[in-house]
Amino acid sequence: MRKLFIYYSFTGNGKIVADALKNMGYEIREVKALRNLPNNFFLRMMIGGMLSLFNHKAKLLNYNNDISDYDEIVIGSPIWNGRLSCPINTVLKKTNLENKKVKFILYSGGGEAIKATSKLKTKYNCEVISIKEPKKNKDLVGALNLDK
């Protein structure tokens, strides 16, 4: 069974998760936004949070939406204002996940993603795992068990 991890990371938390999943046999596909958020923390939180509030779809840099060769797809997203990141909104719009085993890994700096988790479970009938601050909690990331 071929497994793919598609993720977006702005601060490096997604990269930590990607490295752990690569060690578990997942192929990795990083999503890059055509335009990045500002480096200033306050501006990044305000702009990213506002855009995600309105379910904005970011333009992506060379995104390959072909997942036909994979049986299991895990999608990783930071949480912005309790919602998925704009680049991952685009991935979900452009990628046909029908007939795939789908899971989500959400990473955040603090807050819970209760609404995002609920929506994902309802729409995709999938498992959703939340990890707070993967860069600081590498032991939790290393202990991920996706074989449920």
N, C-alpha and C. Protein backbone atom coordinates (compact mmCIF):
# COMPACT_ATOMS: atom_id res chain seq x y z
N MET A 1 0.85 -1.18 0.00
CA MET A 1 0.00 0.00 0.00
C MET A 1 0.90 1.24 0.00
N ARG A 2 0.67 2.11 -0.97
CA ARG A 2 1.46 3.35 -1.05
C ARG A 2 0.76 4.44 -0.25
N LYS A 3 1.58 5.17 0.52
CA LYS A 3 1.06 6.19 1.42
C LYS A 3 1.75 7.52 1.11
N LEU A 4 0.94 8.59 1.15
CA LEU A 4 1.43 9.92 0.82
C LEU A 4 1.04 10.91 1.91
N PHE A 5 1.99 11.75 2.29
CA PHE A 5 1.74 12.85 3.22
C PHE A 5 1.86 14.14 2.44
N ILE A 6 0.75 14.88 2.33
CA ILE A 6 0.72 16.19 1.69
C ILE A 6 0.61 17.22 2.80
N TYR A 7 1.53 18.18 2.83
CA TYR A 7 1.49 19.12 3.94
C TYR A 7 1.94 20.52 3.54
N TYR A 8 1.51 21.46 4.37
CA TYR A 8 1.97 22.85 4.28
C TYR A 8 2.59 23.21 5.62
N SER A 9 3.69 23.93 5.56
CA SER A 9 4.34 24.38 6.79
C SER A 9 4.95 25.75 6.55
N PHE A 10 4.63 26.68 7.42
CA PHE A 10 5.24 28.01 7.33
C PHE A 10 6.35 28.17 8.35
N THR A 11 6.14 27.63 9.55
CA THR A 11 7.10 27.82 10.64
C THR A 11 7.98 26.61 10.90
N GLY A 12 7.76 25.51 10.19
CA GLY A 12 8.59 24.32 10.37
C GLY A 12 7.94 23.19 11.13
N ASN A 13 6.76 23.43 11.72
CA ASN A 13 6.09 22.36 12.45
C ASN A 13 5.68 21.22 11.51
N GLY A 14 5.21 21.55 10.33
CA GLY A 14 4.82 20.52 9.37
C GLY A 14 6.01 19.70 8.91
N LYS A 15 7.17 20.31 8.81
CA LYS A 15 8.39 19.61 8.40
C LYS A 15 8.77 18.55 9.43
N ILE A 16 8.57 18.85 10.70
CA ILE A 16 8.84 17.87 11.77
C ILE A 16 7.94 16.65 11.58
N VAL A 17 6.66 16.90 11.32
CA VAL A 17 5.71 15.81 11.10
C VAL A 17 6.08 15.04 9.83
N ALA A 18 6.45 15.75 8.77
CA ALA A 18 6.83 15.11 7.50
C ALA A 18 8.03 14.18 7.70
N ASP A 19 9.02 14.62 8.45
CA ASP A 19 10.20 13.79 8.70
C ASP A 19 9.81 12.50 9.43
N ALA A 20 8.91 12.61 10.41
CA ALA A 20 8.47 11.42 11.16
C ALA A 20 7.71 10.46 10.24
N LEU A 21 6.83 11.00 9.39
CA LEU A 21 6.06 10.15 8.50
C LEU A 21 6.93 9.52 7.41
N LYS A 22 7.94 10.23 6.98
CA LYS A 22 8.87 9.67 6.00
C LYS A 22 9.54 8.42 6.59
N ASN A 23 9.90 8.49 7.87
CA ASN A 23 10.49 7.34 8.55
C ASN A 23 9.51 6.19 8.71
N MET A 24 8.21 6.48 8.58
CA MET A 24 7.17 5.44 8.67
C MET A 24 6.77 4.91 7.30
N GLY A 25 7.48 5.33 6.25
CA GLY A 25 7.21 4.81 4.92
C GLY A 25 6.32 5.66 4.04
N TYR A 26 5.99 6.86 4.46
CA TYR A 26 5.16 7.75 3.65
C TYR A 26 6.04 8.50 2.66
N GLU A 27 5.51 8.67 1.45
CA GLU A 27 6.14 9.59 0.52
C GLU A 27 5.66 10.98 0.92
N ILE A 28 6.48 11.98 0.65
CA ILE A 28 6.21 13.33 1.14
C ILE A 28 6.01 14.28 -0.04
N ARG A 29 4.98 15.11 0.08
CA ARG A 29 4.72 16.14 -0.93
C ARG A 29 4.43 17.44 -0.19
N GLU A 30 5.41 18.35 -0.21
CA GLU A 30 5.22 19.65 0.46
C GLU A 30 4.51 20.62 -0.47
N VAL A 31 3.57 21.35 0.10
CA VAL A 31 2.81 22.36 -0.64
C VAL A 31 3.45 23.72 -0.36
N LYS A 32 3.68 24.48 -1.40
CA LYS A 32 4.24 25.83 -1.23
C LYS A 32 3.28 26.84 -1.82
N ALA A 33 3.04 27.90 -1.06
CA ALA A 33 2.18 28.99 -1.53
C ALA A 33 2.97 29.89 -2.46
N LEU A 34 2.30 30.40 -3.48
CA LEU A 34 2.95 31.33 -4.40
C LEU A 34 3.38 32.60 -3.66
N ARG A 35 2.52 33.07 -2.74
CA ARG A 35 2.84 34.25 -1.93
C ARG A 35 2.83 33.84 -0.46
N ASN A 36 3.90 34.12 0.23
CA ASN A 36 3.99 33.79 1.65
C ASN A 36 3.36 34.87 2.51
N LEU A 37 3.03 34.49 3.70
CA LEU A 37 2.56 35.44 4.71
C LEU A 37 3.74 36.27 5.18
N PRO A 38 3.47 37.41 5.82
CA PRO A 38 4.58 38.22 6.34
C PRO A 38 5.35 37.46 7.43
N ASN A 39 6.61 37.79 7.60
CA ASN A 39 7.42 37.18 8.65
C ASN A 39 7.06 37.71 10.03
N ASN A 40 6.55 38.93 10.10
CA ASN A 40 6.15 39.52 11.37
C ASN A 40 5.03 38.68 11.99
N PHE A 41 5.24 38.19 13.22
CA PHE A 41 4.30 37.27 13.86
C PHE A 41 2.89 37.85 13.93
N PHE A 42 2.76 39.09 14.38
CA PHE A 42 1.44 39.70 14.54
C PHE A 42 0.72 39.81 13.20
N LEU A 43 1.42 40.32 12.19
CA LEU A 43 0.81 40.45 10.86
C LEU A 43 0.45 39.09 10.27
N ARG A 44 1.34 38.13 10.47
CA ARG A 44 1.08 36.77 9.97
C ARG A 44 -0.18 36.19 10.59
N MET A 45 -0.34 36.37 11.91
CA MET A 45 -1.51 35.85 12.60
C MET A 45 -2.78 36.56 12.13
N MET A 46 -2.71 37.86 11.98
CA MET A 46 -3.88 38.63 11.56
C MET A 46 -4.29 38.28 10.12
N ILE A 47 -3.35 38.31 9.21
CA ILE A 47 -3.66 38.07 7.80
C ILE A 47 -4.05 36.61 7.57
N GLY A 48 -3.24 35.69 8.07
CA GLY A 48 -3.54 34.26 7.91
C GLY A 48 -4.87 33.89 8.55
N GLY A 49 -5.12 34.42 9.74
CA GLY A 49 -6.38 34.14 10.43
C GLY A 49 -7.58 34.67 9.68
N MET A 50 -7.45 35.89 9.16
CA MET A 50 -8.56 36.49 8.42
C MET A 50 -8.83 35.71 7.13
N LEU A 51 -7.77 35.37 6.40
CA LEU A 51 -7.95 34.64 5.15
C LEU A 51 -8.58 33.26 5.39
N SER A 52 -8.14 32.58 6.43
CA SER A 52 -8.70 31.25 6.70
C SER A 52 -10.14 31.35 7.18
N LEU A 53 -10.48 32.44 7.86
CA LEU A 53 -11.85 32.65 8.31
C LEU A 53 -12.81 32.62 7.12
N PHE A 54 -12.36 33.15 6.00
CA PHE A 54 -13.19 33.21 4.80
C PHE A 54 -12.90 32.06 3.82
N ASN A 55 -12.21 31.02 4.33
CA ASN A 55 -11.93 29.81 3.54
C ASN A 55 -11.18 30.14 2.24
N HIS A 56 -10.26 31.09 2.33
CA HIS A 56 -9.48 31.53 1.17
C HIS A 56 -8.65 30.37 0.62
N LYS A 57 -8.52 30.30 -0.69
CA LYS A 57 -7.67 29.33 -1.37
C LYS A 57 -6.44 30.06 -1.87
N ALA A 58 -5.27 29.64 -1.42
CA ALA A 58 -4.02 30.26 -1.84
C ALA A 58 -3.59 29.70 -3.19
N LYS A 59 -2.93 30.51 -3.97
CA LYS A 59 -2.33 30.02 -5.21
C LYS A 59 -1.08 29.24 -4.82
N LEU A 60 -0.92 28.08 -5.44
CA LEU A 60 0.18 27.20 -5.07
C LEU A 60 1.26 27.19 -6.14
N LEU A 61 2.46 26.91 -5.71
CA LEU A 61 3.62 26.84 -6.57
C LEU A 61 3.83 25.39 -7.00
N ASN A 62 3.57 25.08 -8.26
CA ASN A 62 3.83 23.76 -8.83
C ASN A 62 3.19 22.61 -8.05
N TYR A 63 1.94 22.74 -7.68
CA TYR A 63 1.27 21.66 -6.94
C TYR A 63 0.84 20.54 -7.87
N ASN A 64 1.20 19.32 -7.52
CA ASN A 64 0.82 18.13 -8.27
C ASN A 64 -0.35 17.47 -7.55
N ASN A 65 -1.53 17.51 -8.14
CA ASN A 65 -2.71 16.96 -7.47
C ASN A 65 -2.99 15.51 -7.84
N ASP A 66 -2.08 14.86 -8.56
CA ASP A 66 -2.27 13.46 -8.94
C ASP A 66 -1.92 12.55 -7.76
N ILE A 67 -2.94 11.91 -7.22
CA ILE A 67 -2.73 10.97 -6.11
C ILE A 67 -3.20 9.57 -6.49
N SER A 68 -3.34 9.32 -7.78
CA SER A 68 -3.91 8.05 -8.25
C SER A 68 -3.09 6.83 -7.85
N ASP A 69 -1.81 6.99 -7.63
CA ASP A 69 -0.95 5.85 -7.27
C ASP A 69 -0.94 5.54 -5.77
N TYR A 70 -1.70 6.28 -4.98
CA TYR A 70 -1.65 6.13 -3.52
C TYR A 70 -2.97 5.60 -2.97
N ASP A 71 -2.85 4.78 -1.94
CA ASP A 71 -4.02 4.21 -1.28
C ASP A 71 -4.42 5.05 -0.07
N GLU A 72 -3.43 5.55 0.63
CA GLU A 72 -3.68 6.34 1.84
C GLU A 72 -3.08 7.73 1.68
N ILE A 73 -3.87 8.73 2.02
CA ILE A 73 -3.44 10.12 1.95
C ILE A 73 -3.58 10.74 3.33
N VAL A 74 -2.49 11.30 3.83
CA VAL A 74 -2.53 12.05 5.08
C VAL A 74 -2.22 13.49 4.71
N ILE A 75 -3.06 14.40 5.20
CA ILE A 75 -2.89 15.82 4.89
C ILE A 75 -2.56 16.56 6.18
N GLY A 76 -1.49 17.34 6.13
CA GLY A 76 -1.04 18.10 7.30
C GLY A 76 -1.22 19.59 7.09
N SER A 77 -1.79 20.23 8.11
CA SER A 77 -2.03 21.67 8.00
C SER A 77 -1.82 22.36 9.34
N PRO A 78 -1.22 23.54 9.30
CA PRO A 78 -1.26 24.36 10.51
C PRO A 78 -2.69 24.86 10.72
N ILE A 79 -2.97 25.24 11.93
CA ILE A 79 -4.28 25.79 12.26
C ILE A 79 -4.16 27.30 12.32
N TRP A 80 -5.00 27.94 11.54
CA TRP A 80 -5.05 29.40 11.52
C TRP A 80 -6.45 29.81 11.95
N ASN A 81 -6.54 30.49 13.07
CA ASN A 81 -7.84 30.96 13.55
C ASN A 81 -8.84 29.81 13.69
N GLY A 82 -8.34 28.65 14.12
CA GLY A 82 -9.19 27.49 14.33
C GLY A 82 -9.57 26.76 13.05
N ARG A 83 -8.95 27.13 11.94
CA ARG A 83 -9.29 26.56 10.64
C ARG A 83 -8.04 26.07 9.92
N LEU A 84 -8.26 25.38 8.81
CA LEU A 84 -7.14 24.92 7.99
C LEU A 84 -6.45 26.09 7.31
N SER A 85 -5.18 25.91 7.00
CA SER A 85 -4.44 26.96 6.29
C SER A 85 -4.96 27.11 4.87
N CYS A 86 -4.76 28.28 4.32
CA CYS A 86 -5.23 28.58 2.95
C CYS A 86 -4.61 27.66 1.89
N PRO A 87 -3.31 27.34 1.97
CA PRO A 87 -2.76 26.41 0.98
C PRO A 87 -3.42 25.03 1.04
N ILE A 88 -3.76 24.56 2.21
CA ILE A 88 -4.43 23.26 2.32
C ILE A 88 -5.87 23.36 1.85
N ASN A 89 -6.51 24.51 2.02
CA ASN A 89 -7.85 24.69 1.42
C ASN A 89 -7.78 24.47 -0.09
N THR A 90 -6.71 24.95 -0.70
CA THR A 90 -6.54 24.77 -2.14
C THR A 90 -6.31 23.31 -2.49
N VAL A 91 -5.49 22.64 -1.70
CA VAL A 91 -5.25 21.21 -1.91
C VAL A 91 -6.56 20.44 -1.88
N LEU A 92 -7.40 20.73 -0.89
CA LEU A 92 -8.67 20.01 -0.77
C LEU A 92 -9.60 20.31 -1.94
N LYS A 93 -9.51 21.51 -2.48
CA LYS A 93 -10.35 21.86 -3.63
C LYS A 93 -9.85 21.18 -4.91
N LYS A 94 -8.53 21.07 -5.08
CA LYS A 94 -7.96 20.59 -6.33
C LYS A 94 -7.67 19.09 -6.37
N THR A 95 -7.79 18.41 -5.25
CA THR A 95 -7.41 17.01 -5.17
C THR A 95 -8.63 16.12 -4.95
N ASN A 96 -8.80 15.13 -5.78
CA ASN A 96 -9.92 14.21 -5.65
C ASN A 96 -9.56 13.12 -4.64
N LEU A 97 -10.17 13.17 -3.47
CA LEU A 97 -9.88 12.23 -2.40
C LEU A 97 -10.85 11.05 -2.34
N GLU A 98 -11.74 10.97 -3.33
CA GLU A 98 -12.71 9.88 -3.35
C GLU A 98 -11.99 8.54 -3.43
N ASN A 99 -12.53 7.56 -2.72
CA ASN A 99 -12.01 6.20 -2.70
C ASN A 99 -10.59 6.10 -2.16
N LYS A 100 -10.19 7.06 -1.35
CA LYS A 100 -8.89 7.03 -0.70
C LYS A 100 -9.10 6.97 0.81
N LYS A 101 -8.19 6.32 1.49
CA LYS A 101 -8.19 6.36 2.95
C LYS A 101 -7.52 7.68 3.31
N VAL A 102 -8.27 8.56 3.98
CA VAL A 102 -7.79 9.91 4.25
C VAL A 102 -7.68 10.13 5.76
N LYS A 103 -6.60 10.78 6.16
CA LYS A 103 -6.41 11.21 7.55
C LYS A 103 -5.84 12.62 7.52
N PHE A 104 -6.03 13.33 8.61
CA PHE A 104 -5.49 14.68 8.73
C PHE A 104 -4.64 14.79 9.98
N ILE A 105 -3.56 15.54 9.88
CA ILE A 105 -2.76 15.90 11.04
C ILE A 105 -2.74 17.42 11.08
N LEU A 106 -3.25 17.96 12.17
CA LEU A 106 -3.31 19.41 12.36
C LEU A 106 -2.30 19.80 13.42
N TYR A 107 -1.53 20.84 13.15
CA TYR A 107 -0.53 21.29 14.13
C TYR A 107 -0.77 22.76 14.42
N SER A 108 -0.58 23.09 15.70
CA SER A 108 -0.87 24.46 16.12
C SER A 108 0.12 24.91 17.16
N GLY A 109 0.15 26.21 17.34
CA GLY A 109 0.98 26.80 18.37
C GLY A 109 0.30 26.80 19.72
N GLY A 110 -0.96 26.51 19.76
CA GLY A 110 -1.64 26.51 21.05
C GLY A 110 -3.08 26.08 21.01
N GLY A 111 -3.90 26.79 20.24
CA GLY A 111 -5.33 26.58 20.28
C GLY A 111 -5.80 25.26 19.70
N GLU A 112 -6.98 24.87 20.11
CA GLU A 112 -7.62 23.67 19.58
C GLU A 112 -8.30 24.00 18.26
N ALA A 113 -8.47 23.01 17.45
CA ALA A 113 -9.13 23.18 16.16
C ALA A 113 -10.43 22.39 16.18
N ILE A 114 -11.29 22.69 17.12
CA ILE A 114 -12.51 21.91 17.31
C ILE A 114 -13.41 21.97 16.08
N LYS A 115 -13.63 23.17 15.54
CA LYS A 115 -14.50 23.29 14.36
C LYS A 115 -13.89 22.61 13.14
N ALA A 116 -12.62 22.83 12.92
CA ALA A 116 -11.96 22.22 11.77
C ALA A 116 -12.00 20.70 11.88
N THR A 117 -11.73 20.18 13.06
CA THR A 117 -11.74 18.73 13.28
C THR A 117 -13.12 18.16 13.01
N SER A 118 -14.14 18.82 13.53
CA SER A 118 -15.51 18.35 13.34
C SER A 118 -15.90 18.35 11.87
N LYS A 119 -15.56 19.43 11.15
CA LYS A 119 -15.90 19.51 9.73
C LYS A 119 -15.17 18.43 8.92
N LEU A 120 -13.91 18.21 9.22
CA LEU A 120 -13.15 17.21 8.48
C LEU A 120 -13.70 15.80 8.72
N LYS A 121 -14.00 15.49 9.99
CA LYS A 121 -14.54 14.17 10.30
C LYS A 121 -15.87 13.94 9.60
N THR A 122 -16.69 14.97 9.55
CA THR A 122 -18.00 14.85 8.89
C THR A 122 -17.84 14.71 7.38
N LYS A 123 -17.05 15.56 6.77
CA LYS A 123 -16.92 15.57 5.31
C LYS A 123 -16.18 14.35 4.77
N TYR A 124 -15.10 13.94 5.45
CA TYR A 124 -14.25 12.88 4.92
C TYR A 124 -14.36 11.56 5.69
N ASN A 125 -15.16 11.54 6.77
CA ASN A 125 -15.30 10.34 7.59
C ASN A 125 -13.92 9.77 7.92
N CYS A 126 -13.09 10.61 8.54
CA CYS A 126 -11.68 10.27 8.72
C CYS A 126 -11.20 10.54 10.14
N GLU A 127 -10.00 10.06 10.38
CA GLU A 127 -9.32 10.34 11.65
C GLU A 127 -8.62 11.69 11.53
N VAL A 128 -8.69 12.47 12.61
CA VAL A 128 -8.00 13.76 12.65
C VAL A 128 -7.15 13.77 13.92
N ILE A 129 -5.86 14.01 13.75
CA ILE A 129 -4.92 14.05 14.86
C ILE A 129 -4.44 15.48 15.02
N SER A 130 -4.47 15.99 16.24
CA SER A 130 -3.97 17.34 16.52
C SER A 130 -2.70 17.24 17.36
N ILE A 131 -1.71 18.02 16.98
CA ILE A 131 -0.45 18.05 17.72
C ILE A 131 -0.11 19.51 18.01
N LYS A 132 0.07 19.82 19.26
CA LYS A 132 0.47 21.18 19.63
C LYS A 132 1.99 21.29 19.55
N GLU A 133 2.43 22.30 18.85
CA GLU A 133 3.84 22.65 18.73
C GLU A 133 4.76 21.46 18.46
N PRO A 134 4.67 20.86 17.28
CA PRO A 134 5.52 19.70 16.97
C PRO A 134 7.01 19.95 17.17
N LYS A 135 7.48 21.18 16.92
CA LYS A 135 8.91 21.45 17.11
C LYS A 135 9.33 21.29 18.56
N LYS A 136 8.42 21.57 19.48
CA LYS A 136 8.71 21.44 20.92
C LYS A 136 8.32 20.08 21.46
N ASN A 137 7.51 19.34 20.72
CA ASN A 137 6.99 18.05 21.19
C ASN A 137 7.32 16.94 20.20
N LYS A 138 8.59 16.84 19.86
CA LYS A 138 9.01 15.85 18.87
C LYS A 138 8.72 14.42 19.33
N ASP A 139 8.68 14.21 20.65
CA ASP A 139 8.38 12.87 21.15
C ASP A 139 6.95 12.46 20.79
N LEU A 140 6.00 13.42 20.82
CA LEU A 140 4.62 13.13 20.42
C LEU A 140 4.54 12.81 18.94
N VAL A 141 5.30 13.54 18.16
CA VAL A 141 5.30 13.33 16.71
C VAL A 141 5.89 11.95 16.39
N GLY A 142 6.99 11.62 17.05
CA GLY A 142 7.62 10.32 16.83
C GLY A 142 6.76 9.15 17.25
N ALA A 143 5.80 9.41 18.16
CA ALA A 143 4.93 8.35 18.67
C ALA A 143 3.63 8.22 17.88
N LEU A 144 3.51 8.96 16.78
CA LEU A 144 2.29 8.88 15.97
C LEU A 144 2.02 7.45 15.54
N ASN A 145 0.78 7.04 15.66
CA ASN A 145 0.38 5.71 15.19
C ASN A 145 -0.77 5.90 14.19
N LEU A 146 -0.45 5.80 12.93
CA LEU A 146 -1.44 6.02 11.88
C LEU A 146 -2.01 4.72 11.34
N ASP A 147 -1.69 3.62 11.96
CA ASP A 147 -2.17 2.32 11.48
C ASP A 147 -3.48 1.89 12.07
N LYS A 148 -4.25 2.82 12.60
CA LYS A 148 -5.53 2.48 13.21
C LYS A 148 -6.56 2.16 12.17
